[in-house]
Amino acid sequence: MTAITKIVAQVATADVEYAGTQSRVYLGIAGREFRLATGDGDFARGAKKEFVFGDGTNVLNPEHNDPRLSPVLETADLDHHPVYLRMGEDGHEPAWCLDHVLVTVNPGPDGRAYDCPALEGTGPEHRTWLEEMRGTVLHLRRRGASAPQEATPAPDPELSSQLKQELGRQLGEQLKQELGRQLGEQLKQELGRQLGEQLKQELGRQLTEQLTQELSEKLRRETDAPAVRIVHGSVRANGTVEGDNSDFVVQRVTPGIYTIQLRQPFTTTPTATATIAGRAWRLLDNVHVVKATPQEVEFWTGDDRGNKGDRDFHFQIIERARQRSA
């Protein structure tokens, strides 16, 4: 068995708005976790950092983050435990957008590497967010793993004879299948000519009945659908909800920015309104609708000087159904 003497984790944070985090991030490998921390803007927006554990370490508290110390880790442990990144939720700005990760164990010809193939490339589909509502763990896959090749045994005369017989049997089966296929095609064409008209008539009748039922059900649902759908609620300054929130989820993104995520999205882009709530605020304190999609609406709140700030507010999100033609 080979001891693990060095682990290198290369981590890149996406260069998009709100991508950075100050929460703690851990690497799980070979049955334990190591904290990714050098103390120098490790997970700021657009940061590309390398964390070294063991030989040539550059992390904080190296005596507690060393694969060579108790418990001593070996490469055999890699086959029995997953490799993953896990983000804690104890820091400021807990959401984190990860752009790339590569973990190498014992770098060199005999080393092992782990990454996430889904993050290869550019664009939002090649990034992932870690946070409480979306999950805090990302598992990695071993890169370039392949099964060992076995030595080719010397030919055996008796085995060669058996092999010839087996090959002859297989070729005979293939020949019979090919002849059967050709005869089958001719038979199918003849049967199709004789039975085609009857089959078409039966299938046409069944399809007509099925389409009639489906169209009737669709028309009934559209006739019974409400003309207007309204989602409303009251949000406290800290992002919690006052009263019932069975139709939506609130996320306080940063001070003064709130996202209302609809549990059941609208079918079209809705109209949204909001107003500051309570007597604790000035009359010039304000709330604005910044963005509305069928899935979520973003509100900004601020003080009487135009600065963003947390405020209590009430909101309504309204979708009006399209008018059906007579």
C-alpha atoms as a PDB file:
ATOM      1  CA  MET A   1       0.000   0.000   0.000  1.00  0.00           C
ATOM      2  CA  THR A   2       1.179   3.545  -0.844  1.00  0.00           C
ATOM      3  CA  ALA A   3       0.950   6.430   1.618  1.00  0.00           C
ATOM      4  CA  ILE A   4      -0.698   9.701   0.568  1.00  0.00           C
ATOM      5  CA  THR A   5       1.995  12.355   1.050  1.00  0.00           C
ATOM      6  CA  LYS A   6       0.558  15.273  -0.936  1.00  0.00           C
ATOM      7  CA  ILE A   7      -2.859  16.490  -2.091  1.00  0.00           C
ATOM      8  CA  VAL A   8      -3.281  19.496  -4.430  1.00  0.00           C
ATOM      9  CA  ALA A   9      -6.729  21.070  -4.939  1.00  0.00           C
ATOM     10  CA  GLN A  10      -7.112  23.670  -7.716  1.00  0.00           C
ATOM     11  CA  VAL A  11     -10.369  25.621  -7.268  1.00  0.00           C
ATOM     12  CA  ALA A  12     -11.775  28.455  -9.399  1.00  0.00           C
ATOM     13  CA  THR A  13     -14.697  30.657  -8.324  1.00  0.00           C
ATOM     14  CA  ALA A  14     -16.930  31.907 -11.154  1.00  0.00           C
ATOM     15  CA  ASP A  15     -16.580  35.534 -12.297  1.00  0.00           C
ATOM     16  CA  VAL A  16     -20.302  36.360 -11.970  1.00  0.00           C
ATOM     17  CA  GLU A  17     -22.337  38.543  -9.607  1.00  0.00           C
ATOM     18  CA  TYR A  18     -22.609  37.188  -6.023  1.00  0.00           C
ATOM     19  CA  ALA A  19     -20.337  34.209  -6.916  1.00  0.00           C
ATOM     20  CA  GLY A  20     -17.929  34.711  -3.993  1.00  0.00           C
ATOM     21  CA  THR A  21     -18.413  33.386  -0.466  1.00  0.00           C
ATOM     22  CA  GLN A  22     -16.826  33.734   2.953  1.00  0.00           C
ATOM     23  CA  SER A  23     -18.191  30.396   4.192  1.00  0.00           C
ATOM     24  CA  ARG A  24     -15.826  27.549   5.016  1.00  0.00           C
ATOM     25  CA  VAL A  25     -15.159  25.001   2.256  1.00  0.00           C
ATOM     26  CA  TYR A  26     -13.901  21.450   2.860  1.00  0.00           C
ATOM     27  CA  LEU A  27     -12.356  18.713   0.685  1.00  0.00           C
ATOM     28  CA  GLY A  28     -13.513  15.181   1.534  1.00  0.00           C
ATOM     29  CA  ILE A  29     -11.063  12.472   0.419  1.00  0.00           C
ATOM     30  CA  ALA A  30      -9.843   9.040   1.550  1.00  0.00           C
ATOM     31  CA  GLY A  31     -12.270   8.976   4.474  1.00  0.00           C
ATOM     32  CA  ARG A  32     -11.682  12.408   6.102  1.00  0.00           C
ATOM     33  CA  GLU A  33     -12.031  16.134   5.376  1.00  0.00           C
ATOM     34  CA  PHE A  34      -9.484  18.934   4.926  1.00  0.00           C
ATOM     35  CA  ARG A  35     -10.315  22.647   5.140  1.00  0.00           C
ATOM     36  CA  LEU A  36      -9.510  24.705   2.021  1.00  0.00           C
ATOM     37  CA  ALA A  37      -8.081  27.923   3.472  1.00  0.00           C
ATOM     38  CA  THR A  38      -4.937  29.997   2.832  1.00  0.00           C
ATOM     39  CA  GLY A  39      -6.330  33.219   4.334  1.00  0.00           C
ATOM     40  CA  ASP A  40      -6.023  35.278   1.135  1.00  0.00           C
ATOM     41  CA  GLY A  41      -9.416  35.780  -0.591  1.00  0.00           C
ATOM     42  CA  ASP A  42      -9.714  32.069  -1.324  1.00  0.00           C
ATOM     43  CA  PHE A  43     -13.271  32.159  -2.714  1.00  0.00           C
ATOM     44  CA  ALA A  44     -13.702  35.741  -3.910  1.00  0.00           C
ATOM     45  CA  ARG A  45     -15.402  36.383  -7.250  1.00  0.00           C
ATOM     46  CA  GLY A  46     -13.096  35.221 -10.091  1.00  0.00           C
ATOM     47  CA  ALA A  47     -10.459  33.799  -7.691  1.00  0.00           C
ATOM     48  CA  LYS A  48      -8.268  30.886  -8.883  1.00  0.00           C
ATOM     49  CA  LYS A  49      -6.534  29.230  -5.912  1.00  0.00           C
ATOM     50  CA  GLU A  50      -4.322  26.194  -5.289  1.00  0.00           C
ATOM     51  CA  PHE A  51      -4.439  24.461  -1.894  1.00  0.00           C
ATOM     52  CA  VAL A  52      -1.599  22.071  -0.962  1.00  0.00           C
ATOM     53  CA  PHE A  53      -1.847  19.529   1.879  1.00  0.00           C
ATOM     54  CA  GLY A  54       1.167  17.502   3.071  1.00  0.00           C
ATOM     55  CA  ASP A  55       4.484  18.076   1.232  1.00  0.00           C
ATOM     56  CA  GLY A  56       4.886  21.786   0.410  1.00  0.00           C
ATOM     57  CA  THR A  57       1.691  22.772   2.265  1.00  0.00           C
ATOM     58  CA  ASN A  58       0.345  26.326   1.944  1.00  0.00           C
ATOM     59  CA  VAL A  59      -2.879  26.070   3.995  1.00  0.00           C
ATOM     60  CA  LEU A  60      -3.777  27.445   7.410  1.00  0.00           C
ATOM     61  CA  ASN A  61      -3.383  25.090  10.402  1.00  0.00           C
ATOM     62  CA  PRO A  62      -1.212  22.607   8.430  1.00  0.00           C
ATOM     63  CA  GLU A  63      -0.751  20.349  11.462  1.00  0.00           C
ATOM     64  CA  HIS A  64      -4.512  19.656  11.415  1.00  0.00           C
ATOM     65  CA  ASN A  65      -4.742  19.307   7.621  1.00  0.00           C
ATOM     66  CA  ASP A  66      -2.001  16.817   6.714  1.00  0.00           C
ATOM     67  CA  PRO A  67      -2.685  13.376   5.134  1.00  0.00           C
ATOM     68  CA  ARG A  68       0.614  12.117   6.614  1.00  0.00           C
ATOM     69  CA  LEU A  69      -0.522  12.677  10.200  1.00  0.00           C
ATOM     70  CA  SER A  70      -3.078  10.825  12.318  1.00  0.00           C
ATOM     71  CA  PRO A  71      -4.981   9.290  10.741  1.00  0.00           C
ATOM     72  CA  VAL A  72      -2.329   8.354   8.162  1.00  0.00           C
ATOM     73  CA  LEU A  73      -4.042   8.047   4.742  1.00  0.00           C
ATOM     74  CA  GLU A  74      -3.153   5.551   2.007  1.00  0.00           C
ATOM     75  CA  THR A  75      -4.099   5.357  -1.672  1.00  0.00           C
ATOM     76  CA  ALA A  76      -6.156   2.219  -0.912  1.00  0.00           C
ATOM     77  CA  ASP A  77      -8.517   4.485   1.060  1.00  0.00           C
ATOM     78  CA  LEU A  78      -9.411   6.279  -2.198  1.00  0.00           C
ATOM     79  CA  ASP A  79     -11.197   3.142  -3.452  1.00  0.00           C
ATOM     80  CA  HIS A  80     -13.492   2.976  -0.411  1.00  0.00           C
ATOM     81  CA  HIS A  81     -14.529   6.602   0.137  1.00  0.00           C
ATOM     82  CA  PRO A  82     -15.941   9.351  -2.130  1.00  0.00           C
ATOM     83  CA  VAL A  83     -14.079  12.512  -3.159  1.00  0.00           C
ATOM     84  CA  TYR A  84     -16.157  15.698  -2.784  1.00  0.00           C
ATOM     85  CA  LEU A  85     -16.310  19.430  -1.952  1.00  0.00           C
ATOM     86  CA  ARG A  86     -18.571  20.516   0.914  1.00  0.00           C
ATOM     87  CA  MET A  87     -19.457  24.094   1.800  1.00  0.00           C
ATOM     88  CA  GLY A  88     -20.362  25.095   5.357  1.00  0.00           C
ATOM     89  CA  GLU A  89     -23.085  27.670   6.036  1.00  0.00           C
ATOM     90  CA  ASP A  90     -21.401  29.641   8.826  1.00  0.00           C
ATOM     91  CA  GLY A  91     -19.931  32.546   6.848  1.00  0.00           C
ATOM     92  CA  HIS A  92     -21.050  35.850   5.339  1.00  0.00           C
ATOM     93  CA  GLU A  93     -22.564  35.579   1.829  1.00  0.00           C
ATOM     94  CA  PRO A  94     -23.046  31.791   2.085  1.00  0.00           C
ATOM     95  CA  ALA A  95     -23.917  31.117  -1.592  1.00  0.00           C
ATOM     96  CA  TRP A  96     -20.897  30.081  -3.736  1.00  0.00           C
ATOM     97  CA  CYS A  97     -20.657  29.661  -7.534  1.00  0.00           C
ATOM     98  CA  LEU A  98     -17.969  27.104  -8.477  1.00  0.00           C
ATOM     99  CA  ASP A  99     -16.432  27.315 -11.978  1.00  0.00           C
ATOM    100  CA  HIS A 100     -13.736  24.587 -11.921  1.00  0.00           C
ATOM    101  CA  VAL A 101     -12.114  22.048  -9.557  1.00  0.00           C
ATOM    102  CA  LEU A 102      -9.238  19.562  -9.969  1.00  0.00           C
ATOM    103  CA  VAL A 103      -7.869  17.439  -7.087  1.00  0.00           C
ATOM    104  CA  THR A 104      -4.567  15.538  -7.542  1.00  0.00           C
ATOM    105  CA  VAL A 105      -3.266  12.916  -5.067  1.00  0.00           C
ATOM    106  CA  ASN A 106       0.519  12.280  -5.006  1.00  0.00           C
ATOM    107  CA  PRO A 107       1.198  14.334  -8.186  1.00  0.00           C
ATOM    108  CA  GLY A 108       3.391  12.454 -10.655  1.00  0.00           C
ATOM    109  CA  PRO A 109       3.275   9.432 -13.002  1.00  0.00           C
ATOM    110  CA  ASP A 110       1.454   7.282 -10.408  1.00  0.00           C
ATOM    111  CA  GLY A 111      -0.825  10.024  -9.087  1.00  0.00           C
ATOM    112  CA  ARG A 112      -4.595  10.122  -9.223  1.00  0.00           C
ATOM    113  CA  ALA A 113      -6.744  13.061 -10.324  1.00  0.00           C
ATOM    114  CA  TYR A 114     -10.406  13.864  -9.641  1.00  0.00           C
ATOM    115  CA  ASP A 115     -12.665  16.484 -11.252  1.00  0.00           C
ATOM    116  CA  CYS A 116     -16.265  17.205 -12.286  1.00  0.00           C
ATOM    117  CA  PRO A 117     -16.725  16.687 -16.069  1.00  0.00           C
ATOM    118  CA  ALA A 118     -19.943  18.753 -16.014  1.00  0.00           C
ATOM    119  CA  LEU A 119     -17.864  21.881 -15.187  1.00  0.00           C
ATOM    120  CA  GLU A 120     -15.655  21.554 -18.300  1.00  0.00           C
ATOM    121  CA  GLY A 121     -16.367  24.395 -20.741  1.00  0.00           C
ATOM    122  CA  THR A 122     -17.783  27.908 -20.426  1.00  0.00           C
ATOM    123  CA  GLY A 123     -21.232  29.361 -19.814  1.00  0.00           C
ATOM    124  CA  PRO A 124     -23.772  29.076 -16.981  1.00  0.00           C
ATOM    125  CA  GLU A 125     -24.435  25.389 -17.727  1.00  0.00           C
ATOM    126  CA  HIS A 126     -20.784  24.654 -16.817  1.00  0.00           C
ATOM    127  CA  ARG A 127     -20.973  26.320 -13.372  1.00  0.00           C
ATOM    128  CA  THR A 128     -22.713  25.168 -10.182  1.00  0.00           C
ATOM    129  CA  TRP A 129     -24.023  26.976  -7.092  1.00  0.00           C
ATOM    130  CA  LEU A 130     -23.552  25.537  -3.596  1.00  0.00           C
ATOM    131  CA  GLU A 131     -25.900  26.872  -0.917  1.00  0.00           C
ATOM    132  CA  GLU A 132     -28.577  25.711   1.508  1.00  0.00           C
ATOM    133  CA  MET A 133     -31.471  25.717  -1.000  1.00  0.00           C
ATOM    134  CA  ARG A 134     -29.512  24.031  -3.834  1.00  0.00           C
ATOM    135  CA  GLY A 135     -27.266  21.640  -1.880  1.00  0.00           C
ATOM    136  CA  THR A 136     -23.839  22.095  -0.291  1.00  0.00           C
ATOM    137  CA  VAL A 137     -21.913  19.036  -1.605  1.00  0.00           C
ATOM    138  CA  LEU A 138     -20.359  18.334  -5.044  1.00  0.00           C
ATOM    139  CA  HIS A 139     -18.924  14.832  -5.660  1.00  0.00           C
ATOM    140  CA  LEU A 140     -15.960  14.400  -8.014  1.00  0.00           C
ATOM    141  CA  ARG A 141     -15.093  11.616 -10.489  1.00  0.00           C
ATOM    142  CA  ARG A 142     -11.728   9.962 -10.959  1.00  0.00           C
ATOM    143  CA  ARG A 143     -10.096  11.137 -14.185  1.00  0.00           C
ATOM    144  CA  GLY A 144      -8.615   8.645 -16.685  1.00  0.00           C
ATOM    145  CA  ALA A 145      -9.394   5.458 -14.701  1.00  0.00           C
ATOM    146  CA  SER A 146      -8.991   2.235 -16.712  1.00  0.00           C
ATOM    147  CA  ALA A 147      -8.919  -1.481 -15.987  1.00  0.00           C
ATOM    148  CA  PRO A 148      -5.499  -3.248 -16.013  1.00  0.00           C
ATOM    149  CA  GLN A 149      -4.731  -5.416 -19.036  1.00  0.00           C
ATOM    150  CA  GLU A 150      -4.116  -9.136 -18.539  1.00  0.00           C
ATOM    151  CA  ALA A 151      -1.325 -11.104 -20.253  1.00  0.00           C
ATOM    152  CA  THR A 152      -2.358 -13.122 -23.332  1.00  0.00           C
ATOM    153  CA  PRO A 153      -2.020 -16.902 -22.637  1.00  0.00           C
ATOM    154  CA  ALA A 154      -0.220 -19.217 -25.081  1.00  0.00           C
ATOM    155  CA  PRO A 155      -2.502 -21.024 -27.589  1.00  0.00           C
ATOM    156  CA  ASP A 156      -3.786 -24.461 -26.568  1.00  0.00           C
ATOM    157  CA  PRO A 157      -4.291 -27.013 -29.449  1.00  0.00           C
ATOM    158  CA  GLU A 158      -7.367 -28.543 -27.819  1.00  0.00           C
ATOM    159  CA  LEU A 159      -8.758 -25.099 -27.102  1.00  0.00           C
ATOM    160  CA  SER A 160      -8.081 -24.088 -30.743  1.00  0.00           C
ATOM    161  CA  SER A 161     -10.164 -27.042 -31.947  1.00  0.00           C
ATOM    162  CA  GLN A 162     -12.992 -26.062 -29.647  1.00  0.00           C
ATOM    163  CA  LEU A 163     -12.675 -22.486 -30.859  1.00  0.00           C
ATOM    164  CA  LYS A 164     -13.007 -23.584 -34.493  1.00  0.00           C
ATOM    165  CA  GLN A 165     -16.140 -25.514 -33.633  1.00  0.00           C
ATOM    166  CA  GLU A 166     -17.568 -22.542 -31.777  1.00  0.00           C
ATOM    167  CA  LEU A 167     -16.755 -20.205 -34.670  1.00  0.00           C
ATOM    168  CA  GLY A 168     -18.386 -22.642 -37.097  1.00  0.00           C
ATOM    169  CA  ARG A 169     -21.494 -22.784 -34.923  1.00  0.00           C
ATOM    170  CA  GLN A 170     -21.667 -18.998 -34.688  1.00  0.00           C
ATOM    171  CA  LEU A 171     -21.203 -18.560 -38.460  1.00  0.00           C
ATOM    172  CA  GLY A 172     -23.932 -21.119 -39.058  1.00  0.00           C
ATOM    173  CA  GLU A 173     -26.263 -19.231 -36.730  1.00  0.00           C
ATOM    174  CA  GLN A 174     -25.499 -15.971 -38.520  1.00  0.00           C
ATOM    175  CA  LEU A 175     -26.174 -17.585 -41.910  1.00  0.00           C
ATOM    176  CA  LYS A 176     -29.495 -18.973 -40.716  1.00  0.00           C
ATOM    177  CA  GLN A 177     -30.437 -15.609 -39.281  1.00  0.00           C
ATOM    178  CA  GLU A 178     -29.592 -13.849 -42.571  1.00  0.00           C
ATOM    179  CA  LEU A 179     -31.630 -16.332 -44.618  1.00  0.00           C
ATOM    180  CA  GLY A 180     -34.461 -16.046 -42.145  1.00  0.00           C
ATOM    181  CA  ARG A 181     -34.282 -12.273 -42.381  1.00  0.00           C
ATOM    182  CA  GLN A 182     -34.543 -12.292 -46.165  1.00  0.00           C
ATOM    183  CA  LEU A 183     -37.450 -14.753 -46.149  1.00  0.00           C
ATOM    184  CA  GLY A 184     -39.044 -12.785 -43.340  1.00  0.00           C
ATOM    185  CA  GLU A 185     -38.912  -9.581 -45.366  1.00  0.00           C
ATOM    186  CA  GLN A 186     -40.696 -11.239 -48.255  1.00  0.00           C
ATOM    187  CA  LEU A 187     -43.265 -12.734 -45.879  1.00  0.00           C
ATOM    188  CA  LYS A 188     -43.832  -9.392 -44.163  1.00  0.00           C
ATOM    189  CA  GLN A 189     -44.400  -7.652 -47.483  1.00  0.00           C
ATOM    190  CA  GLU A 190     -46.982 -10.252 -48.520  1.00  0.00           C
ATOM    191  CA  LEU A 191     -48.731 -10.176 -45.149  1.00  0.00           C
ATOM    192  CA  GLY A 192     -48.615  -6.403 -45.161  1.00  0.00           C
ATOM    193  CA  ARG A 193     -50.312  -6.270 -48.528  1.00  0.00           C
ATOM    194  CA  GLN A 194     -53.077  -8.604 -47.365  1.00  0.00           C
ATOM    195  CA  LEU A 195     -53.605  -7.172 -43.878  1.00  0.00           C
ATOM    196  CA  GLY A 196     -52.580  -3.547 -44.386  1.00  0.00           C
ATOM    197  CA  GLU A 197     -56.009  -2.178 -45.141  1.00  0.00           C
ATOM    198  CA  GLN A 198     -57.637  -3.873 -42.132  1.00  0.00           C
ATOM    199  CA  LEU A 199     -54.828  -2.657 -39.828  1.00  0.00           C
ATOM    200  CA  LYS A 200     -55.053   0.925 -41.127  1.00  0.00           C
ATOM    201  CA  GLN A 201     -58.786   1.029 -40.528  1.00  0.00           C
ATOM    202  CA  GLU A 202     -58.462  -0.307 -36.952  1.00  0.00           C
ATOM    203  CA  LEU A 203     -55.580   2.019 -36.069  1.00  0.00           C
ATOM    204  CA  GLY A 204     -57.450   4.978 -37.549  1.00  0.00           C
ATOM    205  CA  ARG A 205     -60.496   4.230 -35.433  1.00  0.00           C
ATOM    206  CA  GLN A 206     -58.437   3.897 -32.238  1.00  0.00           C
ATOM    207  CA  LEU A 207     -56.422   7.082 -32.890  1.00  0.00           C
ATOM    208  CA  THR A 208     -59.595   9.045 -33.647  1.00  0.00           C
ATOM    209  CA  GLU A 209     -61.156   7.977 -30.336  1.00  0.00           C
ATOM    210  CA  GLN A 210     -57.958   8.763 -28.385  1.00  0.00           C
ATOM    211  CA  LEU A 211     -57.540  12.225 -29.954  1.00  0.00           C
ATOM    212  CA  THR A 212     -61.216  13.032 -29.342  1.00  0.00           C
ATOM    213  CA  GLN A 213     -60.849  12.168 -25.638  1.00  0.00           C
ATOM    214  CA  GLU A 214     -57.586  14.158 -25.252  1.00  0.00           C
ATOM    215  CA  LEU A 215     -59.008  17.258 -26.985  1.00  0.00           C
ATOM    216  CA  SER A 216     -62.179  17.103 -24.884  1.00  0.00           C
ATOM    217  CA  GLU A 217     -60.143  16.877 -21.665  1.00  0.00           C
ATOM    218  CA  LYS A 218     -57.865  19.766 -22.727  1.00  0.00           C
ATOM    219  CA  LEU A 219     -60.886  21.938 -23.585  1.00  0.00           C
ATOM    220  CA  ARG A 220     -62.471  21.139 -20.204  1.00  0.00           C
ATOM    221  CA  ARG A 221     -59.285  22.128 -18.322  1.00  0.00           C
ATOM    222  CA  GLU A 222     -58.952  25.370 -20.280  1.00  0.00           C
ATOM    223  CA  THR A 223     -62.621  26.228 -19.705  1.00  0.00           C
ATOM    224  CA  ASP A 224     -62.294  25.633 -15.950  1.00  0.00           C
ATOM    225  CA  ALA A 225     -58.967  27.530 -15.605  1.00  0.00           C
ATOM    226  CA  PRO A 226     -59.122  30.797 -13.603  1.00  0.00           C
ATOM    227  CA  ALA A 227     -58.699  34.055 -15.506  1.00  0.00           C
ATOM    228  CA  VAL A 228     -56.261  35.518 -12.937  1.00  0.00           C
ATOM    229  CA  ARG A 229     -53.677  33.992 -10.562  1.00  0.00           C
ATOM    230  CA  ILE A 230     -52.297  36.076  -7.667  1.00  0.00           C
ATOM    231  CA  VAL A 231     -49.423  35.242  -5.304  1.00  0.00           C
ATOM    232  CA  HIS A 232     -48.989  37.672  -2.390  1.00  0.00           C
ATOM    233  CA  GLY A 233     -47.217  37.872   0.939  1.00  0.00           C
ATOM    234  CA  SER A 234     -45.360  39.933   3.532  1.00  0.00           C
ATOM    235  CA  VAL A 235     -41.559  39.783   3.891  1.00  0.00           C
ATOM    236  CA  ARG A 236     -39.622  40.999   6.923  1.00  0.00           C
ATOM    237  CA  ALA A 237     -36.377  42.896   6.514  1.00  0.00           C
ATOM    238  CA  ASN A 238     -34.313  39.837   7.497  1.00  0.00           C
ATOM    239  CA  GLY A 239     -35.866  37.779   4.664  1.00  0.00           C
ATOM    240  CA  THR A 240     -38.317  35.747   6.743  1.00  0.00           C
ATOM    241  CA  VAL A 241     -41.994  35.493   5.803  1.00  0.00           C
ATOM    242  CA  GLU A 242     -44.886  36.778   7.887  1.00  0.00           C
ATOM    243  CA  GLY A 243     -47.814  34.388   7.624  1.00  0.00           C
ATOM    244  CA  ASP A 244     -48.414  31.760   4.934  1.00  0.00           C
ATOM    245  CA  ASN A 245     -45.727  31.159   2.289  1.00  0.00           C
ATOM    246  CA  SER A 246     -46.976  27.928   0.743  1.00  0.00           C
ATOM    247  CA  ASP A 247     -46.850  29.489  -2.761  1.00  0.00           C
ATOM    248  CA  PHE A 248     -43.326  30.940  -2.659  1.00  0.00           C
ATOM    249  CA  VAL A 249     -39.823  30.924  -1.139  1.00  0.00           C
ATOM    250  CA  VAL A 250     -37.933  34.103  -0.148  1.00  0.00           C
ATOM    251  CA  GLN A 251     -34.168  34.481  -0.519  1.00  0.00           C
ATOM    252  CA  ARG A 252     -32.405  37.552   0.873  1.00  0.00           C
ATOM    253  CA  VAL A 253     -29.526  37.733  -1.619  1.00  0.00           C
ATOM    254  CA  THR A 254     -27.690  40.745  -0.129  1.00  0.00           C
ATOM    255  CA  PRO A 255     -28.824  43.726   1.981  1.00  0.00           C
ATOM    256  CA  GLY A 256     -31.797  45.290   0.199  1.00  0.00           C
ATOM    257  CA  ILE A 257     -32.120  42.572  -2.486  1.00  0.00           C
ATOM    258  CA  TYR A 258     -34.778  39.867  -2.183  1.00  0.00           C
ATOM    259  CA  THR A 259     -35.811  37.097  -4.614  1.00  0.00           C
ATOM    260  CA  ILE A 260     -39.331  35.617  -4.474  1.00  0.00           C
ATOM    261  CA  GLN A 261     -39.151  32.124  -6.031  1.00  0.00           C
ATOM    262  CA  LEU A 262     -42.523  30.631  -7.048  1.00  0.00           C
ATOM    263  CA  ARG A 263     -43.157  27.035  -6.043  1.00  0.00           C
ATOM    264  CA  GLN A 264     -45.474  26.712  -9.083  1.00  0.00           C
ATOM    265  CA  PRO A 265     -44.114  28.898 -11.919  1.00  0.00           C
ATOM    266  CA  PHE A 266     -46.446  31.068 -14.000  1.00  0.00           C
ATOM    267  CA  THR A 267     -47.028  30.272 -17.656  1.00  0.00           C
ATOM    268  CA  THR A 268     -46.302  33.871 -18.724  1.00  0.00           C
ATOM    269  CA  THR A 269     -44.295  36.805 -17.349  1.00  0.00           C
ATOM    270  CA  PRO A 270     -46.349  38.232 -14.439  1.00  0.00           C
ATOM    271  CA  THR A 271     -46.974  41.762 -13.178  1.00  0.00           C
ATOM    272  CA  ALA A 272     -45.611  42.566  -9.698  1.00  0.00           C
ATOM    273  CA  THR A 273     -46.192  45.389  -7.170  1.00  0.00           C
ATOM    274  CA  ALA A 274     -44.841  46.037  -3.674  1.00  0.00           C
ATOM    275  CA  THR A 275     -45.000  48.592  -0.839  1.00  0.00           C
ATOM    276  CA  ILE A 276     -42.950  49.278   2.301  1.00  0.00           C
ATOM    277  CA  ALA A 277     -44.672  47.854   5.411  1.00  0.00           C
ATOM    278  CA  GLY A 278     -44.850  49.037   9.036  1.00  0.00           C
ATOM    279  CA  ARG A 279     -44.274  52.277  10.933  1.00  0.00           C
ATOM    280  CA  ALA A 280     -40.555  51.725  11.557  1.00  0.00           C
ATOM    281  CA  TRP A 281     -39.544  53.259   8.199  1.00  0.00           C
ATOM    282  CA  ARG A 282     -39.586  56.768   6.676  1.00  0.00           C
ATOM    283  CA  LEU A 283     -42.157  57.767   4.077  1.00  0.00           C
ATOM    284  CA  LEU A 284     -39.398  58.104   1.456  1.00  0.00           C
ATOM    285  CA  ASP A 285     -38.079  54.577   2.021  1.00  0.00           C
ATOM    286  CA  ASN A 286     -38.820  52.577  -1.101  1.00  0.00           C
ATOM    287  CA  VAL A 287     -39.229  49.195  -2.755  1.00  0.00           C
ATOM    288  CA  HIS A 288     -38.818  48.476  -6.501  1.00  0.00           C
ATOM    289  CA  VAL A 289     -39.611  45.557  -8.790  1.00  0.00           C
ATOM    290  CA  VAL A 290     -36.285  44.932 -10.588  1.00  0.00           C
ATOM    291  CA  LYS A 291     -36.922  41.743 -12.549  1.00  0.00           C
ATOM    292  CA  ALA A 292     -39.916  39.439 -13.163  1.00  0.00           C
ATOM    293  CA  THR A 293     -39.883  36.011 -14.848  1.00  0.00           C
ATOM    294  CA  PRO A 294     -42.391  33.134 -14.758  1.00  0.00           C
ATOM    295  CA  GLN A 295     -40.168  31.496 -12.094  1.00  0.00           C
ATOM    296  CA  GLU A 296     -39.168  34.401  -9.795  1.00  0.00           C
ATOM    297  CA  VAL A 297     -39.425  38.129  -9.079  1.00  0.00           C
ATOM    298  CA  GLU A 298     -36.601  40.291  -7.684  1.00  0.00           C
ATOM    299  CA  PHE A 299     -37.314  43.261  -5.356  1.00  0.00           C
ATOM    300  CA  TRP A 300     -34.884  45.970  -4.163  1.00  0.00           C
ATOM    301  CA  THR A 301     -35.554  48.003  -1.002  1.00  0.00           C
ATOM    302  CA  GLY A 302     -33.755  51.137   0.133  1.00  0.00           C
ATOM    303  CA  ASP A 303     -33.645  54.159   2.410  1.00  0.00           C
ATOM    304  CA  ASP A 304     -34.776  57.728   1.776  1.00  0.00           C
ATOM    305  CA  ARG A 305     -31.343  58.599   0.265  1.00  0.00           C
ATOM    306  CA  GLY A 306     -31.497  55.997  -2.500  1.00  0.00           C
ATOM    307  CA  ASN A 307     -29.183  53.460  -0.823  1.00  0.00           C
ATOM    308  CA  LYS A 308     -30.060  49.757  -0.693  1.00  0.00           C
ATOM    309  CA  GLY A 309     -31.155  48.608   2.765  1.00  0.00           C
ATOM    310  CA  ASP A 310     -33.242  45.881   4.388  1.00  0.00           C
ATOM    311  CA  ARG A 311     -36.943  46.839   4.782  1.00  0.00           C
ATOM    312  CA  ASP A 312     -40.223  45.109   5.572  1.00  0.00           C
ATOM    313  CA  PHE A 313     -42.526  45.011   2.528  1.00  0.00           C
ATOM    314  CA  HIS A 314     -45.759  43.559   1.140  1.00  0.00           C
ATOM    315  CA  PHE A 315     -45.925  42.250  -2.446  1.00  0.00           C
ATOM    316  CA  GLN A 316     -48.371  40.975  -5.059  1.00  0.00           C
ATOM    317  CA  ILE A 317     -47.454  38.951  -8.194  1.00  0.00           C
ATOM    318  CA  ILE A 318     -50.267  38.710 -10.741  1.00  0.00           C
ATOM    319  CA  GLU A 319     -50.657  36.643 -13.902  1.00  0.00           C
ATOM    320  CA  ARG A 320     -53.607  37.265 -16.196  1.00  0.00           C
ATOM    321  CA  ALA A 321     -54.552  34.325 -18.418  1.00  0.00           C
ATOM    322  CA  ARG A 322     -54.658  34.895 -22.181  1.00  0.00           C
ATOM    323  CA  GLN A 323     -58.100  35.541 -23.575  1.00  0.00           C
ATOM    324  CA  ARG A 324     -59.395  32.583 -25.565  1.00  0.00           C
ATOM    325  CA  SER A 325     -60.980  33.305 -28.934  1.00  0.00           C
ATOM    326  CA  ALA A 326     -64.706  32.632 -29.236  1.00  0.00           C
END
